[in-house]
Every structure is written in structure tokens, then in C-alpha cells.
Amino acid sequence: MLAFSRRGINDLFRGERAGAQVWPSLQVVTNAINVAKSLMRKTGNRVHLAGGELQLDKCGAFGSKTQGFIERCFFDMAILGADAFDP
């Protein structure tokens, strides 16, 4: 199972347009609505949208419910992005 952030999916699709091989039939967990929508266009993908409070400006779900959903998942790979971090 893969985890995608909204920035990670942009990188994936940029690579696909450039001719890179992209995995068929993904099972994906994401908190981003636009990521879920993009991946649902690909035949064979299974997409799980992590729930939580929707934030319109970020087009995704955030908060303790989202975190709890993702903590219960086990991933083979994660493609993540961040708006900021605190060292």
C-alpha cells in the first residue's frame, strides 16, 4: 500500500508524462481530495481517503481523525510532501 501527499502525486504524474514507468493497480491512502481524484482516473487503482476535518484552502483532510486513520495503516512505500517543518 502506498501513501501519497498532494505534492507527491504531482511528482508521480510529472514523471509519467516524461515517460517514466508508473506502477499499475495501486492501493493508495491519501488525505488530499485532488490526489484521490487523480488516482481514481487510473484503472485498477484502489484509493482510500483518510477522514478528518476538511480544509478548503488545502483541499484535504487534517487533524486527529486523519492522523488516527493513517496510524492504523501499514505502507510499503510513502511519497510525502510538507508545507513546513519545525526542526
Protein backbone atom coordinates (compact mmCIF):
# COMPACT_ATOMS: atom_id res chain seq x y z
CA MET A 1 0.00 0.00 0.00
CA LEU A 2 1.21 3.50 -0.78
CA ALA A 3 0.67 6.79 0.98
CA PHE A 4 0.58 9.92 -1.14
CA SER A 5 0.58 13.55 -0.23
CA ARG A 6 -0.71 16.17 -2.64
CA ARG A 7 2.83 17.20 -3.59
CA GLY A 8 3.96 13.60 -4.01
CA ILE A 9 1.29 12.86 -6.59
CA ASN A 10 2.34 15.86 -8.65
CA ASP A 11 5.85 14.41 -8.86
CA LEU A 12 4.46 11.00 -9.84
CA PHE A 13 2.39 12.38 -12.70
CA ARG A 14 5.22 14.63 -13.91
CA GLY A 15 7.37 11.51 -14.16
CA GLU A 16 4.63 9.62 -16.01
CA ARG A 17 4.30 12.38 -18.61
CA ALA A 18 8.07 12.29 -19.05
CA GLY A 19 7.86 8.57 -19.93
CA ALA A 20 8.81 7.06 -16.56
CA GLN A 21 7.25 3.72 -15.68
CA VAL A 22 4.36 4.09 -13.23
CA TRP A 23 3.01 1.19 -11.19
CA PRO A 24 -0.33 -0.24 -12.30
CA SER A 25 -3.11 -1.16 -9.85
CA LEU A 26 -2.04 0.87 -6.84
CA GLN A 27 -3.71 0.72 -3.44
CA VAL A 28 -3.35 4.21 -2.02
CA VAL A 29 -4.14 6.12 1.18
CA THR A 30 -4.24 9.90 0.97
CA ASN A 31 -5.72 12.84 2.83
CA ALA A 32 -5.82 15.01 -0.30
CA ILE A 33 -9.02 15.16 -2.34
CA ASN A 34 -7.23 16.11 -5.57
CA VAL A 35 -4.82 13.18 -5.16
CA ALA A 36 -7.71 10.76 -4.65
CA LYS A 37 -9.49 12.14 -7.72
CA SER A 38 -6.36 11.90 -9.89
CA LEU A 39 -5.64 8.32 -8.84
CA MET A 40 -9.24 7.20 -9.35
CA ARG A 41 -8.85 8.05 -13.06
CA LYS A 42 -6.34 5.22 -13.38
CA THR A 43 -7.98 1.85 -13.98
CA GLY A 44 -7.27 -0.69 -11.28
CA ASN A 45 -6.29 1.72 -8.50
CA ARG A 46 -7.92 1.40 -5.08
CA VAL A 47 -7.98 4.72 -3.23
CA HIS A 48 -8.70 5.25 0.48
CA LEU A 49 -9.35 8.83 1.59
CA ALA A 50 -8.26 9.45 5.19
CA GLY A 51 -11.07 11.21 7.01
CA GLY A 52 -10.94 14.24 9.24
CA GLU A 53 -11.74 17.92 9.12
CA LEU A 54 -11.66 19.22 5.54
CA GLN A 55 -9.66 22.37 4.90
CA LEU A 56 -10.82 24.08 1.73
CA ASP A 57 -7.62 26.03 1.14
CA LYS A 58 -5.55 22.81 1.25
CA CYS A 59 -8.16 20.60 -0.43
CA GLY A 60 -7.68 17.84 2.09
CA ALA A 61 -8.46 16.36 5.50
CA PHE A 62 -6.36 17.15 8.55
CA GLY A 63 -6.50 16.69 12.31
CA SER A 64 -6.58 13.91 14.86
CA LYS A 65 -9.07 11.74 12.92
CA THR A 66 -6.87 11.87 9.82
CA GLN A 67 -3.79 11.04 11.86
CA GLY A 68 -5.59 8.15 13.60
CA PHE A 69 -6.67 6.67 10.25
CA ILE A 70 -3.14 6.79 8.85
CA GLU A 71 -1.60 5.39 12.05
CA ARG A 72 -3.67 2.22 11.59
CA CYS A 73 -2.24 1.61 8.10
CA PHE A 74 0.93 -0.22 7.10
CA PHE A 75 2.68 1.02 3.97
CA ASP A 76 5.17 -0.49 1.56
CA MET A 77 6.13 2.97 0.38
CA ALA A 78 5.24 6.58 1.20
CA ILE A 79 5.53 9.59 -1.08
CA LEU A 80 5.21 12.64 1.14
CA GLY A 81 5.34 16.40 0.93
CA ALA A 82 5.27 19.15 3.53
CA ASP A 83 4.24 22.77 3.63
CA ALA A 84 6.64 23.42 6.52
CA PHE A 85 8.58 21.70 9.27
CA ASP A 86 9.90 22.63 12.69
CA PRO A 87 13.44 21.41 13.37
